[in-house]
Each structure stands twice: as C-alpha cells, then as structure tokens.
Amino acid sequence: MHSSLLTKSLSSFLSQSGKEGSPDIFQITIPPERKFGDICINIFPAVKATKTPPPQLAEDLLTFMKSENYVTDGNIQGGFVNLFVTDELYL
C-alpha cells in the first residue's frame, strides 16, 4: 500500500534530514485498530539504514509527516508512526 504521494514524502523526509536510504526502508501497513490511524509506518527496518535511534527516528518522522497536507494527525506507538490522512493520499 505505497501511494506515490507517501513515497515522495518519505523520500523528502530522508533527504531533508540527511538520512541515508530509500523510502522502501519503511514498512507501510494498516494499524491493527482504527483508533491509531489510517496508515502505519514501521520505523524499525529503517533504524539501521538511517543510523538513528528508534525513538528519535519516530519523533522526527512524525514531525515531518504532520507538515504534509494530506496528514491530519498522528501518533507514535512504540516503533510505529501512525497517521490519520485525507483521501488525497489515495488519489
């Protein structure tokens, strides 16, 4: 479930934060419960590539993603960044 918009955002996050890797280093899924968000980004696969501790990577990614127009809110649950998004993500 990689939309091109989400892929572009993750790519921008990596380049703007000076971290190595491609957007593929993040695992994108649907959260187990709707109350957590619409999409879930597992940051653990990206920890090694970005050389960033999990709590810092999650916080940095959440802050960046909240600035994207299609993200309405978000939260962190362990090593997962959950996002609430508008329909624009799926277009």
N, C-alpha and C. Protein backbone atom coordinates (compact mmCIF):
# COMPACT_ATOMS: atom_id res chain seq x y z
N MET A 1 0.84 -1.19 0.00
CA MET A 1 0.00 0.00 0.00
C MET A 1 0.88 1.24 0.00
N HIS A 2 1.68 1.36 -1.01
CA HIS A 2 2.52 2.55 -1.15
C HIS A 2 1.90 3.48 -2.17
N SER A 3 1.39 4.60 -1.73
CA SER A 3 0.93 5.57 -2.72
C SER A 3 2.15 6.38 -3.15
N SER A 4 2.09 6.92 -4.33
CA SER A 4 3.23 7.71 -4.80
C SER A 4 3.42 8.96 -3.93
N LEU A 5 2.34 9.49 -3.39
CA LEU A 5 2.44 10.66 -2.51
C LEU A 5 3.18 10.31 -1.22
N LEU A 6 2.86 9.18 -0.65
CA LEU A 6 3.53 8.73 0.57
C LEU A 6 5.00 8.44 0.29
N THR A 7 5.29 7.81 -0.82
CA THR A 7 6.67 7.52 -1.20
C THR A 7 7.46 8.82 -1.36
N LYS A 8 6.86 9.81 -2.01
CA LYS A 8 7.52 11.11 -2.17
C LYS A 8 7.79 11.75 -0.82
N SER A 9 6.83 11.67 0.10
CA SER A 9 7.01 12.25 1.43
C SER A 9 8.15 11.58 2.19
N LEU A 10 8.18 10.27 2.14
CA LEU A 10 9.25 9.54 2.84
C LEU A 10 10.62 9.85 2.22
N SER A 11 10.66 9.97 0.91
CA SER A 11 11.90 10.34 0.23
C SER A 11 12.34 11.74 0.65
N SER A 12 11.40 12.67 0.71
CA SER A 12 11.71 14.04 1.14
C SER A 12 12.19 14.06 2.58
N PHE A 13 11.55 13.27 3.44
CA PHE A 13 11.98 13.19 4.83
C PHE A 13 13.44 12.75 4.92
N LEU A 14 13.78 11.70 4.19
CA LEU A 14 15.15 11.19 4.24
C LEU A 14 16.15 12.21 3.73
N SER A 15 15.86 12.84 2.61
CA SER A 15 16.82 13.80 2.06
C SER A 15 16.92 15.07 2.91
N GLN A 16 15.80 15.57 3.38
CA GLN A 16 15.83 16.80 4.19
C GLN A 16 16.48 16.60 5.55
N SER A 17 16.41 15.37 6.07
CA SER A 17 17.02 15.12 7.37
C SER A 17 18.44 14.56 7.23
N GLY A 18 18.91 14.41 6.00
CA GLY A 18 20.27 13.95 5.77
C GLY A 18 20.48 12.47 6.09
N LYS A 19 19.39 11.71 6.07
CA LYS A 19 19.49 10.28 6.39
C LYS A 19 19.62 9.47 5.11
N GLU A 20 20.32 8.35 5.22
CA GLU A 20 20.52 7.51 4.05
C GLU A 20 19.36 6.55 3.86
N GLY A 21 19.23 6.06 2.65
CA GLY A 21 18.21 5.07 2.37
C GLY A 21 17.17 5.57 1.39
N SER A 22 16.31 4.65 1.00
CA SER A 22 15.20 4.99 0.11
C SER A 22 13.90 4.80 0.89
N PRO A 23 12.79 5.28 0.36
CA PRO A 23 11.51 5.12 1.08
C PRO A 23 11.17 3.66 1.37
N ASP A 24 11.76 2.74 0.62
CA ASP A 24 11.48 1.32 0.80
C ASP A 24 11.99 0.77 2.14
N ILE A 25 12.81 1.55 2.86
CA ILE A 25 13.30 1.06 4.14
C ILE A 25 12.23 1.13 5.23
N PHE A 26 11.11 1.77 4.93
CA PHE A 26 9.99 1.82 5.88
C PHE A 26 8.95 0.79 5.47
N GLN A 27 8.33 0.13 6.44
CA GLN A 27 7.24 -0.80 6.15
C GLN A 27 5.92 -0.08 6.40
N ILE A 28 5.07 -0.06 5.40
CA ILE A 28 3.78 0.61 5.49
C ILE A 28 2.68 -0.43 5.61
N THR A 29 1.84 -0.28 6.62
CA THR A 29 0.72 -1.20 6.83
C THR A 29 -0.50 -0.41 7.30
N ILE A 30 -1.56 -1.13 7.60
CA ILE A 30 -2.77 -0.56 8.20
C ILE A 30 -2.68 -0.86 9.70
N PRO A 31 -2.92 0.12 10.57
CA PRO A 31 -2.86 -0.15 12.01
C PRO A 31 -3.87 -1.23 12.42
N PRO A 32 -3.56 -1.99 13.48
CA PRO A 32 -4.47 -3.06 13.91
C PRO A 32 -5.82 -2.54 14.40
N GLU A 33 -5.83 -1.32 14.90
CA GLU A 33 -7.08 -0.70 15.35
C GLU A 33 -7.21 0.67 14.72
N ARG A 34 -8.39 0.98 14.24
CA ARG A 34 -8.66 2.25 13.55
C ARG A 34 -8.36 3.47 14.42
N LYS A 35 -8.47 3.31 15.74
CA LYS A 35 -8.23 4.45 16.64
C LYS A 35 -6.79 4.94 16.57
N PHE A 36 -5.86 4.10 16.08
CA PHE A 36 -4.47 4.51 15.99
C PHE A 36 -4.16 5.34 14.75
N GLY A 37 -4.95 5.18 13.69
CA GLY A 37 -4.70 5.93 12.47
C GLY A 37 -5.18 5.19 11.24
N ASP A 38 -4.91 5.80 10.09
CA ASP A 38 -5.30 5.22 8.80
C ASP A 38 -4.17 4.39 8.20
N ILE A 39 -2.94 4.85 8.41
CA ILE A 39 -1.79 4.09 7.95
C ILE A 39 -0.76 4.02 9.07
N CYS A 40 0.09 3.03 8.98
CA CYS A 40 1.10 2.79 10.00
C CYS A 40 2.45 2.64 9.31
N ILE A 41 3.45 3.36 9.81
CA ILE A 41 4.80 3.26 9.27
C ILE A 41 5.68 2.61 10.33
N ASN A 42 6.16 1.41 10.03
CA ASN A 42 7.05 0.70 10.93
C ASN A 42 8.45 1.24 10.69
N ILE A 43 9.04 1.89 11.71
CA ILE A 43 10.35 2.51 11.51
C ILE A 43 11.51 1.55 11.80
N PHE A 44 11.25 0.40 12.42
CA PHE A 44 12.35 -0.48 12.80
C PHE A 44 13.25 -0.90 11.63
N PRO A 45 12.69 -1.24 10.44
CA PRO A 45 13.57 -1.60 9.33
C PRO A 45 14.48 -0.43 8.90
N ALA A 46 14.08 0.80 9.22
CA ALA A 46 14.84 1.98 8.79
C ALA A 46 15.91 2.41 9.80
N VAL A 47 15.87 1.86 10.99
CA VAL A 47 16.80 2.28 12.05
C VAL A 47 18.26 2.08 11.63
N LYS A 48 18.59 0.90 11.12
CA LYS A 48 19.97 0.62 10.74
C LYS A 48 20.41 1.50 9.58
N ALA A 49 19.58 1.62 8.57
CA ALA A 49 19.94 2.40 7.38
C ALA A 49 20.12 3.88 7.71
N THR A 50 19.30 4.41 8.62
CA THR A 50 19.38 5.84 8.94
C THR A 50 20.35 6.13 10.08
N LYS A 51 20.79 5.07 10.78
CA LYS A 51 21.70 5.23 11.92
C LYS A 51 21.11 6.18 12.97
N THR A 52 19.81 6.02 13.22
CA THR A 52 19.09 6.88 14.15
C THR A 52 18.38 6.00 15.18
N PRO A 53 18.49 6.32 16.48
CA PRO A 53 17.78 5.53 17.49
C PRO A 53 16.26 5.55 17.24
N PRO A 54 15.58 4.42 17.48
CA PRO A 54 14.15 4.33 17.19
C PRO A 54 13.29 5.48 17.73
N PRO A 55 13.43 5.87 19.01
CA PRO A 55 12.56 6.96 19.48
C PRO A 55 12.78 8.27 18.71
N GLN A 56 14.04 8.56 18.38
CA GLN A 56 14.35 9.80 17.66
C GLN A 56 13.83 9.74 16.23
N LEU A 57 14.01 8.60 15.58
CA LEU A 57 13.54 8.44 14.20
C LEU A 57 12.02 8.57 14.14
N ALA A 58 11.33 7.93 15.09
CA ALA A 58 9.86 8.02 15.12
C ALA A 58 9.40 9.46 15.32
N GLU A 59 10.01 10.16 16.24
CA GLU A 59 9.63 11.55 16.51
C GLU A 59 9.92 12.44 15.31
N ASP A 60 11.10 12.29 14.71
CA ASP A 60 11.46 13.09 13.54
C ASP A 60 10.50 12.84 12.38
N LEU A 61 10.18 11.56 12.16
CA LEU A 61 9.28 11.22 11.06
C LEU A 61 7.87 11.76 11.31
N LEU A 62 7.38 11.61 12.53
CA LEU A 62 6.04 12.12 12.85
C LEU A 62 5.98 13.63 12.65
N THR A 63 6.98 14.34 13.14
CA THR A 63 7.00 15.80 12.98
C THR A 63 6.98 16.18 11.51
N PHE A 64 7.80 15.50 10.71
CA PHE A 64 7.83 15.80 9.28
C PHE A 64 6.50 15.48 8.62
N MET A 65 5.96 14.30 8.89
CA MET A 65 4.73 13.89 8.23
C MET A 65 3.55 14.78 8.60
N LYS A 66 3.52 15.29 9.81
CA LYS A 66 2.43 16.19 10.21
C LYS A 66 2.43 17.48 9.40
N SER A 67 3.55 17.81 8.77
CA SER A 67 3.60 19.02 7.94
C SER A 67 3.09 18.77 6.52
N GLU A 68 2.86 17.52 6.17
CA GLU A 68 2.34 17.18 4.84
C GLU A 68 0.85 17.50 4.80
N ASN A 69 0.39 18.05 3.68
CA ASN A 69 -1.00 18.50 3.54
C ASN A 69 -2.03 17.40 3.76
N TYR A 70 -1.70 16.18 3.39
CA TYR A 70 -2.68 15.10 3.47
C TYR A 70 -2.72 14.41 4.85
N VAL A 71 -1.84 14.80 5.77
CA VAL A 71 -1.82 14.22 7.11
C VAL A 71 -2.58 15.15 8.06
N THR A 72 -3.60 14.61 8.72
CA THR A 72 -4.40 15.44 9.63
C THR A 72 -3.96 15.29 11.08
N ASP A 73 -3.35 14.17 11.43
CA ASP A 73 -2.87 13.95 12.79
C ASP A 73 -2.02 12.70 12.79
N GLY A 74 -1.37 12.44 13.91
CA GLY A 74 -0.54 11.26 14.00
C GLY A 74 -0.14 10.98 15.44
N ASN A 75 0.42 9.79 15.64
CA ASN A 75 0.88 9.40 16.97
C ASN A 75 1.95 8.34 16.82
N ILE A 76 2.64 8.11 17.92
CA ILE A 76 3.68 7.09 17.95
C ILE A 76 3.27 6.02 18.93
N GLN A 77 3.34 4.79 18.50
CA GLN A 77 3.09 3.63 19.36
C GLN A 77 4.32 2.73 19.23
N GLY A 78 5.24 2.86 20.18
CA GLY A 78 6.48 2.08 20.10
C GLY A 78 7.26 2.49 18.86
N GLY A 79 7.57 1.54 18.00
CA GLY A 79 8.32 1.83 16.78
C GLY A 79 7.45 2.06 15.57
N PHE A 80 6.23 2.47 15.81
CA PHE A 80 5.28 2.68 14.72
C PHE A 80 4.77 4.12 14.73
N VAL A 81 4.82 4.75 13.57
CA VAL A 81 4.26 6.08 13.39
C VAL A 81 2.92 5.89 12.69
N ASN A 82 1.86 6.23 13.39
CA ASN A 82 0.51 6.09 12.85
C ASN A 82 0.02 7.45 12.38
N LEU A 83 -0.59 7.47 11.22
CA LEU A 83 -1.05 8.72 10.63
C LEU A 83 -2.53 8.66 10.28
N PHE A 84 -3.20 9.76 10.53
CA PHE A 84 -4.56 9.97 10.03
C PHE A 84 -4.40 10.82 8.78
N VAL A 85 -5.01 10.37 7.68
CA VAL A 85 -4.79 11.04 6.40
C VAL A 85 -6.11 11.38 5.72
N THR A 86 -6.03 12.30 4.77
CA THR A 86 -7.19 12.65 3.96
C THR A 86 -7.24 11.72 2.75
N ASP A 87 -8.31 11.76 2.01
CA ASP A 87 -8.47 10.94 0.81
C ASP A 87 -7.43 11.27 -0.25
N GLU A 88 -6.81 12.45 -0.15
CA GLU A 88 -5.81 12.88 -1.13
C GLU A 88 -4.68 11.84 -1.25
N LEU A 89 -4.37 11.15 -0.15
CA LEU A 89 -3.30 10.15 -0.18
C LEU A 89 -3.62 9.03 -1.16
N TYR A 90 -4.88 8.71 -1.31
CA TYR A 90 -5.28 7.56 -2.11
C TYR A 90 -5.60 7.88 -3.56
N LEU A 91 -5.57 9.16 -3.91
CA LEU A 91 -5.90 9.57 -5.29
C LEU A 91 -4.75 9.37 -6.24
